[in-house]
C-alpha atoms as a PDB file:
ATOM      1  CA  MET A   1      -7.511 -14.556 -10.363  1.00  0.00           C
ATOM      2  CA  MET A   2      -4.384 -13.421 -11.725  1.00  0.00           C
ATOM      3  CA  PRO A   3      -3.834  -9.611 -12.775  1.00  0.00           C
ATOM      4  CA  GLN A   4      -4.664  -9.129 -16.223  1.00  0.00           C
ATOM      5  CA  LEU A   5      -3.302  -5.869 -17.258  1.00  0.00           C
ATOM      6  CA  VAL A   6      -1.094  -3.174 -15.816  1.00  0.00           C
ATOM      7  CA  THR A   7      -1.485   0.445 -16.914  1.00  0.00           C
ATOM      8  CA  LEU A   8       1.416   2.807 -16.235  1.00  0.00           C
ATOM      9  CA  ARG A   9       0.951   6.520 -16.681  1.00  0.00           C
ATOM     10  CA  VAL A  10       3.544   9.208 -16.274  1.00  0.00           C
ATOM     11  CA  ALA A  11       2.383  12.937 -16.177  1.00  0.00           C
ATOM     12  CA  ARG A  12       4.953  15.651 -16.739  1.00  0.00           C
ATOM     13  CA  PRO A  13       3.725  19.325 -16.858  1.00  0.00           C
ATOM     14  CA  ASP A  14       5.906  20.091 -19.748  1.00  0.00           C
ATOM     15  CA  ARG A  15       5.560  17.417 -21.982  1.00  0.00           C
ATOM     16  CA  ARG A  16       2.582  14.908 -23.069  1.00  0.00           C
ATOM     17  CA  THR A  17       1.431  12.388 -20.786  1.00  0.00           C
ATOM     18  CA  ILE A  18       2.974   8.957 -21.474  1.00  0.00           C
ATOM     19  CA  ARG A  19       0.545   5.745 -21.140  1.00  0.00           C
ATOM     20  CA  VAL A  20       1.769   2.197 -21.324  1.00  0.00           C
ATOM     21  CA  TRP A  21      -0.347  -0.941 -21.135  1.00  0.00           C
ATOM     22  CA  VAL A  22       1.340  -4.058 -20.037  1.00  0.00           C
ATOM     23  CA  PRO A  23      -0.560  -7.338 -20.574  1.00  0.00           C
ATOM     24  CA  VAL A  24       0.496  -9.665 -17.490  1.00  0.00           C
ATOM     25  CA  LEU A  25       0.220 -13.086 -19.218  1.00  0.00           C
ATOM     26  CA  PRO A  26       2.808 -12.693 -21.958  1.00  0.00           C
ATOM     27  CA  VAL A  27       5.200 -11.130 -19.579  1.00  0.00           C
ATOM     28  CA  VAL A  28       4.875 -14.080 -17.136  1.00  0.00           C
ATOM     29  CA  LEU A  29       5.218 -16.545 -20.007  1.00  0.00           C
ATOM     30  CA  VAL A  30       8.226 -14.883 -21.312  1.00  0.00           C
ATOM     31  CA  LEU A  31       9.842 -14.780 -17.593  1.00  0.00           C
ATOM     32  CA  SER A  32       8.543 -18.240 -16.616  1.00  0.00           C
ATOM     33  CA  PRO A  33      12.239 -19.752 -16.642  1.00  0.00           C
ATOM     34  CA  ILE A  34      13.205 -17.181 -14.109  1.00  0.00           C
ATOM     35  CA  LEU A  35      10.079 -17.775 -12.398  1.00  0.00           C
ATOM     36  CA  VAL A  36      10.749 -21.261 -11.977  1.00  0.00           C
ATOM     37  CA  LEU A  37      14.233 -20.574 -10.506  1.00  0.00           C
ATOM     38  CA  ALA A  38      12.637 -18.250  -8.090  1.00  0.00           C
ATOM     39  CA  VAL A  39      10.063 -20.830  -6.916  1.00  0.00           C
ATOM     40  CA  LEU A  40      13.022 -23.189  -6.349  1.00  0.00           C
ATOM     41  CA  GLY A  41      14.765 -20.619  -4.487  1.00  0.00           C
ATOM     42  CA  VAL A  42      11.721 -20.021  -2.215  1.00  0.00           C
ATOM     43  CA  VAL A  43      11.658 -23.651  -1.462  1.00  0.00           C
ATOM     44  CA  VAL A  44      15.085 -23.934  -0.658  1.00  0.00           C
ATOM     45  CA  ALA A  45      14.841 -20.888   1.771  1.00  0.00           C
ATOM     46  CA  CYS A  46      11.841 -22.306   3.183  1.00  0.00           C
ATOM     47  CA  HIS A  47      13.658 -25.508   4.037  1.00  0.00           C
ATOM     48  CA  LEU A  48      16.752 -23.468   5.601  1.00  0.00           C
ATOM     49  CA  TYR A  49      14.241 -21.303   7.790  1.00  0.00           C
ATOM     50  CA  HIS A  50      11.931 -24.185   8.718  1.00  0.00           C
ATOM     51  CA  VAL A  51       9.124 -22.707   7.144  1.00  0.00           C
ATOM     52  CA  SER A  52       6.410 -24.742   5.333  1.00  0.00           C
ATOM     53  CA  ALA A  53       6.936 -24.086   1.577  1.00  0.00           C
ATOM     54  CA  VAL A  54       3.238 -24.979   0.677  1.00  0.00           C
ATOM     55  CA  ARG A  55       2.195 -22.335   3.097  1.00  0.00           C
ATOM     56  CA  ALA A  56       4.724 -19.811   1.846  1.00  0.00           C
ATOM     57  CA  LEU A  57       3.782 -20.315  -1.864  1.00  0.00           C
ATOM     58  CA  GLY A  58      -0.014 -20.305  -1.040  1.00  0.00           C
ATOM     59  CA  ALA A  59       0.553 -16.859   0.753  1.00  0.00           C
ATOM     60  CA  GLY A  60       2.520 -15.441  -2.368  1.00  0.00           C
ATOM     61  CA  TRP A  61      -0.393 -16.779  -4.532  1.00  0.00           C
ATOM     62  CA  ARG A  62      -2.882 -15.024  -2.425  1.00  0.00           C
ATOM     63  CA  PHE A  63      -1.007 -11.758  -2.430  1.00  0.00           C
ATOM     64  CA  VAL A  64      -0.777 -11.945  -6.389  1.00  0.00           C
ATOM     65  CA  SER A  65      -4.528 -12.685  -6.383  1.00  0.00           C
ATOM     66  CA  ALA A  66      -5.332  -9.653  -4.411  1.00  0.00           C
ATOM     67  CA  LEU A  67      -3.752  -7.068  -6.627  1.00  0.00           C
ATOM     68  CA  PRO A  68      -6.379  -6.538  -9.230  1.00  0.00           C
ATOM     69  CA  GLY A  69      -7.831  -3.172  -8.408  1.00  0.00           C
ATOM     70  CA  THR A  70      -4.607  -1.686  -6.843  1.00  0.00           C
ATOM     71  CA  ARG A  71      -3.566   1.753  -7.829  1.00  0.00           C
ATOM     72  CA  PHE A  72      -0.383   3.325  -6.859  1.00  0.00           C
ATOM     73  CA  ASP A  73       0.008   7.012  -7.202  1.00  0.00           C
ATOM     74  CA  VAL A  74       3.260   8.711  -6.641  1.00  0.00           C
ATOM     75  CA  GLU A  75       3.623  12.526  -7.019  1.00  0.00           C
ATOM     76  CA  ASP A  76       7.259  14.219  -6.768  1.00  0.00           C
ATOM     77  CA  GLY A  77       7.421  18.020  -7.388  1.00  0.00           C
ATOM     78  CA  TYR A  78       6.362  18.363 -11.156  1.00  0.00           C
ATOM     79  CA  MET A  79       6.022  14.658 -12.105  1.00  0.00           C
ATOM     80  CA  ALA A  80       3.267  12.119 -11.283  1.00  0.00           C
ATOM     81  CA  VAL A  81       3.365   8.250 -11.872  1.00  0.00           C
ATOM     82  CA  LEU A  82       0.199   6.490 -11.772  1.00  0.00           C
ATOM     83  CA  VAL A  83       0.047   2.495 -11.749  1.00  0.00           C
ATOM     84  CA  THR A  84      -3.065   0.589 -12.155  1.00  0.00           C
ATOM     85  CA  ILE A  85      -3.481  -3.332 -11.736  1.00  0.00           C
ATOM     86  CA  ARG A  86      -6.387  -4.724 -13.480  1.00  0.00           C
END
């Protein structure tokens, strides 16, 4: 299943916490022309390096499908960033 929502939270001690919710499907639909060009680039690169394009695209889809439930926490000094993929 493709991720549905990406939540970004930036915590700063001197200011309020910023939260941004990004729905994935509308972003993918808007960027779909670039996505088509990226897939064509992957197919050409696979042909040049003698790698099966079907297996490479399948591995990429499995990677994207495994993203829901992933959390990235980054803390640097006083600032913290949390990215949650649902």
